[in-house]
């Protein structure tokens, strides 16, 4: 398994996160404010410059008012489509 930030599966994760944020009508700044982080934090995650760990994933989902389990299920479905 590749450890690249730019694997197909990781790109799918990022696409799903960005789509979820857009679906909620949130800007990167709004999400960052909820996380008490700078906007660049969200931009770097979404742009693949910063790798996301599971705890950050949960915090990000909650900041977007999305159940982390639901969002993770979306990610798993996205990854499954690729294999």
PDB file of N, CA and C in Angstrom:
ATOM      1  N   UNK A   1       0.851  -1.184   0.000  1.00  0.00           N
ATOM      2  CA  UNK A   1       0.000   0.000   0.000  1.00  0.00           C
ATOM      3  C   UNK A   1       0.892   1.241   0.000  1.00  0.00           C
ATOM      4  N   UNK A   2       0.561   2.184  -0.829  1.00  0.00           N
ATOM      5  CA  UNK A   2       1.358   3.404  -0.950  1.00  0.00           C
ATOM      6  C   UNK A   2       1.101   4.339   0.224  1.00  0.00           C
ATOM      7  N   UNK A   3       2.121   5.097   0.607  1.00  0.00           N
ATOM      8  CA  UNK A   3       1.987   6.064   1.694  1.00  0.00           C
ATOM      9  C   UNK A   3       1.945   7.481   1.161  1.00  0.00           C
ATOM     10  N   UNK A   4       1.771   7.631  -0.119  1.00  0.00           N
ATOM     11  CA  UNK A   4       1.757   8.945  -0.744  1.00  0.00           C
ATOM     12  C   UNK A   4       0.519   9.727  -0.339  1.00  0.00           C
ATOM     13  N   UNK A   5       0.713  11.034  -0.192  1.00  0.00           N
ATOM     14  CA  UNK A   5      -0.444  11.910   0.024  1.00  0.00           C
ATOM     15  C   UNK A   5      -1.332  11.932  -1.211  1.00  0.00           C
ATOM     16  N   UNK A   6      -0.787  11.539  -2.330  1.00  0.00           N
ATOM     17  CA  UNK A   6      -1.486  11.697  -3.590  1.00  0.00           C
ATOM     18  C   UNK A   6      -1.974  10.374  -4.179  1.00  0.00           C
ATOM     19  N   UNK A   7      -2.203   9.354  -3.348  1.00  0.00           N
ATOM     20  CA  UNK A   7      -2.751   8.098  -3.845  1.00  0.00           C
ATOM     21  C   UNK A   7      -4.179   8.338  -4.342  1.00  0.00           C
ATOM     22  N   UNK A   8      -4.642   7.449  -5.164  1.00  0.00           N
ATOM     23  CA  UNK A   8      -5.998   7.563  -5.699  1.00  0.00           C
ATOM     24  C   UNK A   8      -7.018   7.538  -4.565  1.00  0.00           C
ATOM     25  N   UNK A   9      -6.811   6.664  -3.596  1.00  0.00           N
ATOM     26  CA  UNK A   9      -7.745   6.570  -2.464  1.00  0.00           C
ATOM     27  C   UNK A   9      -7.745   7.849  -1.626  1.00  0.00           C
ATOM     28  N   UNK A  10      -6.561   8.413  -1.406  1.00  0.00           N
ATOM     29  CA  UNK A  10      -6.495   9.643  -0.622  1.00  0.00           C
ATOM     30  C   UNK A  10      -7.142  10.799  -1.375  1.00  0.00           C
ATOM     31  N   UNK A  11      -6.938  10.837  -2.681  1.00  0.00           N
ATOM     32  CA  UNK A  11      -7.584  11.863  -3.505  1.00  0.00           C
ATOM     33  C   UNK A  11      -9.101  11.729  -3.417  1.00  0.00           C
ATOM     34  N   UNK A  12      -9.596  10.501  -3.367  1.00  0.00           N
ATOM     35  CA  UNK A  12     -11.032  10.267  -3.222  1.00  0.00           C
ATOM     36  C   UNK A  12     -11.535  10.804  -1.883  1.00  0.00           C
ATOM     37  N   UNK A  13     -10.770  10.563  -0.818  1.00  0.00           N
ATOM     38  CA  UNK A  13     -11.116  11.102   0.499  1.00  0.00           C
ATOM     39  C   UNK A  13     -11.244  12.613   0.431  1.00  0.00           C
ATOM     40  N   UNK A  14     -10.268  13.265  -0.182  1.00  0.00           N
ATOM     41  CA  UNK A  14     -10.289  14.724  -0.271  1.00  0.00           C
ATOM     42  C   UNK A  14     -11.472  15.221  -1.091  1.00  0.00           C
ATOM     43  N   UNK A  15     -11.769  14.537  -2.194  1.00  0.00           N
ATOM     44  CA  UNK A  15     -12.925  14.909  -3.014  1.00  0.00           C
ATOM     45  C   UNK A  15     -14.210  14.833  -2.205  1.00  0.00           C
ATOM     46  N   UNK A  16     -14.335  13.788  -1.398  1.00  0.00           N
ATOM     47  CA  UNK A  16     -15.537  13.605  -0.580  1.00  0.00           C
ATOM     48  C   UNK A  16     -15.633  14.677   0.494  1.00  0.00           C
ATOM     49  N   UNK A  17     -14.509  15.024   1.114  1.00  0.00           N
ATOM     50  CA  UNK A  17     -14.519  16.088   2.129  1.00  0.00           C
ATOM     51  C   UNK A  17     -14.919  17.434   1.537  1.00  0.00           C
ATOM     52  N   UNK A  18     -14.353  17.761   0.387  1.00  0.00           N
ATOM     53  CA  UNK A  18     -14.677  19.038  -0.266  1.00  0.00           C
ATOM     54  C   UNK A  18     -16.141  19.046  -0.684  1.00  0.00           C
ATOM     55  N   UNK A  19     -16.614  17.943  -1.256  1.00  0.00           N
ATOM     56  CA  UNK A  19     -18.017  17.863  -1.677  1.00  0.00           C
ATOM     57  C   UNK A  19     -18.956  17.996  -0.482  1.00  0.00           C
ATOM     58  N   UNK A  20     -18.587  17.386   0.634  1.00  0.00           N
ATOM     59  CA  UNK A  20     -19.422  17.474   1.843  1.00  0.00           C
ATOM     60  C   UNK A  20     -19.487  18.914   2.340  1.00  0.00           C
ATOM     61  N   UNK A  21     -18.355  19.598   2.326  1.00  0.00           N
ATOM     62  CA  UNK A  21     -18.336  21.002   2.763  1.00  0.00           C
ATOM     63  C   UNK A  21     -19.189  21.859   1.851  1.00  0.00           C
ATOM     64  N   UNK A  22     -19.048  21.655   0.545  1.00  0.00           N
ATOM     65  CA  UNK A  22     -19.859  22.413  -0.412  1.00  0.00           C
ATOM     66  C   UNK A  22     -21.340  22.109  -0.236  1.00  0.00           C
ATOM     67  N   UNK A  23     -21.666  20.834  -0.030  1.00  0.00           N
ATOM     68  CA  UNK A  23     -23.069  20.435   0.156  1.00  0.00           C
ATOM     69  C   UNK A  23     -23.686  21.151   1.366  1.00  0.00           C
ATOM     70  N   UNK A  24     -22.884  21.348   2.383  1.00  0.00           N
ATOM     71  CA  UNK A  24     -23.362  22.053   3.580  1.00  0.00           C
ATOM     72  C   UNK A  24     -23.362  23.573   3.396  1.00  0.00           C
ATOM     73  N   UNK A  25     -22.808  24.037   2.273  1.00  0.00           N
ATOM     74  CA  UNK A  25     -22.774  25.474   2.015  1.00  0.00           C
ATOM     75  C   UNK A  25     -21.775  26.215   2.886  1.00  0.00           C
ATOM     76  N   UNK A  26     -20.728  25.526   3.281  1.00  0.00           N
ATOM     77  CA  UNK A  26     -19.730  26.119   4.168  1.00  0.00           C
ATOM     78  C   UNK A  26     -18.479  26.519   3.402  1.00  0.00           C
ATOM     79  N   UNK A  27     -17.867  27.593   3.830  1.00  0.00           N
ATOM     80  CA  UNK A  27     -16.577  27.991   3.275  1.00  0.00           C
ATOM     81  C   UNK A  27     -15.475  27.361   4.122  1.00  0.00           C
ATOM     82  N   UNK A  28     -14.273  27.367   3.577  1.00  0.00           N
ATOM     83  CA  UNK A  28     -13.131  26.891   4.357  1.00  0.00           C
ATOM     84  C   UNK A  28     -12.979  27.731   5.626  1.00  0.00           C
ATOM     85  N   UNK A  29     -13.227  29.019   5.518  1.00  0.00           N
ATOM     86  CA  UNK A  29     -13.076  29.909   6.674  1.00  0.00           C
ATOM     87  C   UNK A  29     -14.045  29.545   7.784  1.00  0.00           C
ATOM     88  N   UNK A  30     -15.290  29.251   7.446  1.00  0.00           N
ATOM     89  CA  UNK A  30     -16.290  28.888   8.456  1.00  0.00           C
ATOM     90  C   UNK A  30     -15.875  27.600   9.171  1.00  0.00           C
ATOM     91  N   UNK A  31     -15.437  26.612   8.396  1.00  0.00           N
ATOM     92  CA  UNK A  31     -14.995  25.346   8.992  1.00  0.00           C
ATOM     93  C   UNK A  31     -13.774  25.588   9.881  1.00  0.00           C
ATOM     94  N   UNK A  32     -12.838  26.356   9.387  1.00  0.00           N
ATOM     95  CA  UNK A  32     -11.629  26.665  10.158  1.00  0.00           C
ATOM     96  C   UNK A  32     -11.977  27.380  11.463  1.00  0.00           C
ATOM     97  N   UNK A  33     -12.915  28.315  11.396  1.00  0.00           N
ATOM     98  CA  UNK A  33     -13.329  29.031  12.603  1.00  0.00           C
ATOM     99  C   UNK A  33     -13.904  28.065  13.635  1.00  0.00           C
ATOM    100  N   UNK A  34     -14.707  27.113  13.183  1.00  0.00           N
ATOM    101  CA  UNK A  34     -15.278  26.128  14.104  1.00  0.00           C
ATOM    102  C   UNK A  34     -14.196  25.254  14.727  1.00  0.00           C
ATOM    103  N   UNK A  35     -13.125  25.023  13.981  1.00  0.00           N
ATOM    104  CA  UNK A  35     -12.011  24.215  14.474  1.00  0.00           C
ATOM    105  C   UNK A  35     -11.001  25.039  15.268  1.00  0.00           C
ATOM    106  N   UNK A  36     -11.199  26.365  15.257  1.00  0.00           N
ATOM    107  CA  UNK A  36     -10.254  27.296  15.879  1.00  0.00           C
ATOM    108  C   UNK A  36      -8.855  27.156  15.266  1.00  0.00           C
ATOM    109  N   UNK A  37      -8.882  27.074  13.935  1.00  0.00           N
ATOM    110  CA  UNK A  37      -7.650  26.962  13.150  1.00  0.00           C
ATOM    111  C   UNK A  37      -7.688  28.043  12.078  1.00  0.00           C
ATOM    112  N   UNK A  38      -6.538  28.350  11.469  1.00  0.00           N
ATOM    113  CA  UNK A  38      -6.555  29.294  10.347  1.00  0.00           C
ATOM    114  C   UNK A  38      -7.173  28.645   9.106  1.00  0.00           C
ATOM    115  N   UNK A  39      -7.672  29.459   8.217  1.00  0.00           N
ATOM    116  CA  UNK A  39      -8.269  28.960   6.970  1.00  0.00           C
ATOM    117  C   UNK A  39      -7.284  28.112   6.194  1.00  0.00           C
ATOM    118  N   UNK A  40      -6.013  28.450   6.288  1.00  0.00           N
ATOM    119  CA  UNK A  40      -4.993  27.699   5.559  1.00  0.00           C
ATOM    120  C   UNK A  40      -4.916  26.242   6.009  1.00  0.00           C
ATOM    121  N   UNK A  41      -5.292  25.957   7.238  1.00  0.00           N
ATOM    122  CA  UNK A  41      -5.325  24.575   7.742  1.00  0.00           C
ATOM    123  C   UNK A  41      -6.272  23.732   6.902  1.00  0.00           C
ATOM    124  N   UNK A  42      -7.479  24.240   6.684  1.00  0.00           N
ATOM    125  CA  UNK A  42      -8.472  23.528   5.877  1.00  0.00           C
ATOM    126  C   UNK A  42      -8.011  23.469   4.427  1.00  0.00           C
ATOM    127  N   UNK A  43      -7.472  24.564   3.916  1.00  0.00           N
ATOM    128  CA  UNK A  43      -6.993  24.596   2.530  1.00  0.00           C
ATOM    129  C   UNK A  43      -5.894  23.566   2.304  1.00  0.00           C
ATOM    130  N   UNK A  44      -4.981  23.440   3.251  1.00  0.00           N
ATOM    131  CA  UNK A  44      -3.886  22.476   3.101  1.00  0.00           C
ATOM    132  C   UNK A  44      -4.398  21.041   3.165  1.00  0.00           C
ATOM    133  N   UNK A  45      -5.387  20.780   3.984  1.00  0.00           N
ATOM    134  CA  UNK A  45      -5.987  19.439   4.021  1.00  0.00           C
ATOM    135  C   UNK A  45      -6.660  19.155   2.687  1.00  0.00           C
ATOM    136  N   UNK A  46      -7.521  20.058   2.260  1.00  0.00           N
ATOM    137  CA  UNK A  46      -8.274  19.836   1.020  1.00  0.00           C
ATOM    138  C   UNK A  46      -7.370  19.799  -0.205  1.00  0.00           C
ATOM    139  N   UNK A  47      -6.267  20.507  -0.151  1.00  0.00           N
ATOM    140  CA  UNK A  47      -5.336  20.535  -1.278  1.00  0.00           C
ATOM    141  C   UNK A  47      -4.319  19.412  -1.265  1.00  0.00           C
ATOM    142  N   UNK A  48      -4.370  18.572  -0.246  1.00  0.00           N
ATOM    143  CA  UNK A  48      -3.464  17.438  -0.172  1.00  0.00           C
ATOM    144  C   UNK A  48      -2.069  17.782   0.322  1.00  0.00           C
ATOM    145  N   UNK A  49      -1.880  18.992   0.836  1.00  0.00           N
ATOM    146  CA  UNK A  49      -0.574  19.389   1.357  1.00  0.00           C
ATOM    147  C   UNK A  49      -0.350  18.867   2.770  1.00  0.00           C
ATOM    148  N   UNK A  50      -1.444  18.574   3.456  1.00  0.00           N
ATOM    149  CA  UNK A  50      -1.371  18.133   4.846  1.00  0.00           C
ATOM    150  C   UNK A  50      -2.197  16.869   4.982  1.00  0.00           C
ATOM    151  N   UNK A  51      -1.578  15.805   5.481  1.00  0.00           N
ATOM    152  CA  UNK A  51      -2.277  14.540   5.647  1.00  0.00           C
ATOM    153  C   UNK A  51      -3.165  14.608   6.880  1.00  0.00           C
ATOM    154  N   UNK A  52      -4.329  14.030   6.768  1.00  0.00           N
ATOM    155  CA  UNK A  52      -5.353  14.077   7.800  1.00  0.00           C
ATOM    156  C   UNK A  52      -5.308  12.808   8.629  1.00  0.00           C
ATOM    157  N   UNK A  53      -5.245  12.929   9.957  1.00  0.00           N
ATOM    158  CA  UNK A  53      -5.345  11.723  10.778  1.00  0.00           C
ATOM    159  C   UNK A  53      -6.796  11.515  11.194  1.00  0.00           C
ATOM    160  N   UNK A  54      -7.082  10.397  11.814  1.00  0.00           N
ATOM    161  CA  UNK A  54      -8.472  10.027  12.111  1.00  0.00           C
ATOM    162  C   UNK A  54      -9.131  11.002  13.086  1.00  0.00           C
ATOM    163  N   UNK A  55      -8.384  11.482  14.063  1.00  0.00           N
ATOM    164  CA  UNK A  55      -8.971  12.428  15.019  1.00  0.00           C
ATOM    165  C   UNK A  55      -9.292  13.760  14.351  1.00  0.00           C
ATOM    166  N   UNK A  56      -8.431  14.171  13.433  1.00  0.00           N
ATOM    167  CA  UNK A  56      -8.696  15.399  12.681  1.00  0.00           C
ATOM    168  C   UNK A  56      -9.893  15.193  11.749  1.00  0.00           C
ATOM    169  N   UNK A  57     -10.013  13.998  11.185  1.00  0.00           N
ATOM    170  CA  UNK A  57     -11.168  13.677  10.333  1.00  0.00           C
ATOM    171  C   UNK A  57     -12.461  13.831  11.134  1.00  0.00           C
ATOM    172  N   UNK A  58     -12.477  13.293  12.336  1.00  0.00           N
ATOM    173  CA  UNK A  58     -13.671  13.386  13.194  1.00  0.00           C
ATOM    174  C   UNK A  58     -13.984  14.846  13.507  1.00  0.00           C
ATOM    175  N   UNK A  59     -12.965  15.611  13.872  1.00  0.00           N
ATOM    176  CA  UNK A  59     -13.171  17.031  14.182  1.00  0.00           C
ATOM    177  C   UNK A  59     -13.675  17.798  12.962  1.00  0.00           C
ATOM    178  N   UNK A  60     -13.131  17.477  11.806  1.00  0.00           N
ATOM    179  CA  UNK A  60     -13.545  18.136  10.566  1.00  0.00           C
ATOM    180  C   UNK A  60     -15.007  17.821  10.251  1.00  0.00           C
ATOM    181  N   UNK A  61     -15.377  16.560  10.381  1.00  0.00           N
ATOM    182  CA  UNK A  61     -16.772  16.167  10.141  1.00  0.00           C
ATOM    183  C   UNK A  61     -17.708  16.904  11.095  1.00  0.00           C
ATOM    184  N   UNK A  62     -17.356  16.933  12.367  1.00  0.00           N
ATOM    185  CA  UNK A  62     -18.199  17.616  13.358  1.00  0.00           C
ATOM    186  C   UNK A  62     -18.288  19.112  13.077  1.00  0.00           C
ATOM    187  N   UNK A  63     -17.187  19.700  12.619  1.00  0.00           N
ATOM    188  CA  UNK A  63     -17.192  21.131  12.291  1.00  0.00           C
ATOM    189  C   UNK A  63     -18.131  21.430  11.126  1.00  0.00           C
ATOM    190  N   UNK A  64     -18.356  20.425  10.272  1.00  0.00           N
ATOM    191  CA  UNK A  64     -19.274  20.581   9.142  1.00  0.00           C
ATOM    192  C   UNK A  64     -20.678  20.099   9.501  1.00  0.00           C
ATOM    193  N   UNK A  65     -20.889  19.778  10.789  1.00  0.00           N
ATOM    194  CA  UNK A  65     -22.180  19.261  11.272  1.00  0.00           C
ATOM    195  C   UNK A  65     -22.589  17.993  10.525  1.00  0.00           C
ATOM    196  N   UNK A  66     -21.619  17.095  10.337  1.00  0.00           N
ATOM    197  CA  UNK A  66     -21.842  15.811   9.684  1.00  0.00           C
ATOM    198  C   UNK A  66     -21.416  14.723  10.663  1.00  0.00           C
ATOM    199  N   UNK A  67     -22.212  13.683  10.773  1.00  0.00           N
ATOM    200  CA  UNK A  67     -21.853  12.549  11.606  1.00  0.00           C
ATOM    201  C   UNK A  67     -20.586  11.908  11.035  1.00  0.00           C
ATOM    202  N   UNK A  68     -19.522  11.793  11.826  1.00  0.00           N
ATOM    203  CA  UNK A  68     -18.276  11.230  11.310  1.00  0.00           C
ATOM    204  C   UNK A  68     -18.438   9.821  10.736  1.00  0.00           C
ATOM    205  N   UNK A  69     -19.296   9.019  11.320  1.00  0.00           N
ATOM    206  CA  UNK A  69     -19.514   7.655  10.818  1.00  0.00           C
ATOM    207  C   UNK A  69     -20.160   7.688   9.429  1.00  0.00           C
ATOM    208  N   UNK A  70     -21.082   8.598   9.226  1.00  0.00           N
ATOM    209  CA  UNK A  70     -21.725   8.736   7.922  1.00  0.00           C
ATOM    210  C   UNK A  70     -20.711   9.193   6.880  1.00  0.00           C
ATOM    211  N   UNK A  71     -19.903  10.167   7.237  1.00  0.00           N
ATOM    212  CA  UNK A  71     -18.888  10.664   6.313  1.00  0.00           C
ATOM    213  C   UNK A  71     -17.853   9.580   6.019  1.00  0.00           C
ATOM    214  N   UNK A  72     -17.473   8.819   7.045  1.00  0.00           N
ATOM    215  CA  UNK A  72     -16.507   7.744   6.833  1.00  0.00           C
ATOM    216  C   UNK A  72     -17.089   6.663   5.932  1.00  0.00           C
ATOM    217  N   UNK A  73     -18.363   6.376   6.085  1.00  0.00           N
ATOM    218  CA  UNK A  73     -19.020   5.402   5.200  1.00  0.00           C
ATOM    219  C   UNK A  73     -18.978   5.889   3.757  1.00  0.00           C
ATOM    220  N   UNK A  74     -19.164   7.184   3.546  1.00  0.00           N
ATOM    221  CA  UNK A  74     -19.060   7.753   2.197  1.00  0.00           C
ATOM    222  C   UNK A  74     -17.649   7.555   1.644  1.00  0.00           C
ATOM    223  N   UNK A  75     -16.659   7.752   2.490  1.00  0.00           N
ATOM    224  CA  UNK A  75     -15.264   7.577   2.076  1.00  0.00           C
ATOM    225  C   UNK A  75     -15.022   6.114   1.698  1.00  0.00           C
ATOM    226  N   UNK A  76     -15.490   5.194   2.512  1.00  0.00           N
ATOM    227  CA  UNK A  76     -15.308   3.768   2.214  1.00  0.00           C
ATOM    228  C   UNK A  76     -15.971   3.383   0.893  1.00  0.00           C
ATOM    229  N   UNK A  77     -17.160   3.912   0.652  1.00  0.00           N
ATOM    230  CA  UNK A  77     -17.840   3.633  -0.616  1.00  0.00           C
ATOM    231  C   UNK A  77     -17.031   4.208  -1.779  1.00  0.00           C
ATOM    232  N   UNK A  78     -16.477   5.381  -1.607  1.00  0.00           N
ATOM    233  CA  UNK A  78     -15.666   6.009  -2.655  1.00  0.00           C
ATOM    234  C   UNK A  78     -14.415   5.215  -2.956  1.00  0.00           C
ATOM    235  N   UNK A  79     -13.793   4.693  -1.921  1.00  0.00           N
ATOM    236  CA  UNK A  79     -12.582   3.899  -2.106  1.00  0.00           C
ATOM    237  C   UNK A  79     -12.928   2.561  -2.742  1.00  0.00           C
ATOM    238  N   UNK A  80     -14.023   1.973  -2.330  1.00  0.00           N
ATOM    239  CA  UNK A  80     -14.432   0.674  -2.861  1.00  0.00           C
ATOM    240  C   UNK A  80     -14.688   0.734  -4.365  1.00  0.00           C
ATOM    241  N   UNK A  81     -15.229   1.861  -4.845  1.00  0.00           N
ATOM    242  CA  UNK A  81     -15.500   2.026  -6.272  1.00  0.00           C
ATOM    243  C   UNK A  81     -14.218   1.975  -7.099  1.00  0.00           C
ATOM    244  N   UNK A  82     -13.111   2.345  -6.474  1.00  0.00           N
ATOM    245  CA  UNK A  82     -11.828   2.400  -7.187  1.00  0.00           C
ATOM    246  C   UNK A  82     -11.153   1.045  -7.308  1.00  0.00           C
ATOM    247  N   UNK A  83     -11.513   0.122  -6.426  1.00  0.00           N
ATOM    248  CA  UNK A  83     -10.826  -1.186  -6.433  1.00  0.00           C
ATOM    249  C   UNK A  83     -11.606  -2.228  -7.160  1.00  0.00           C
TER     250      UNK A  83
END
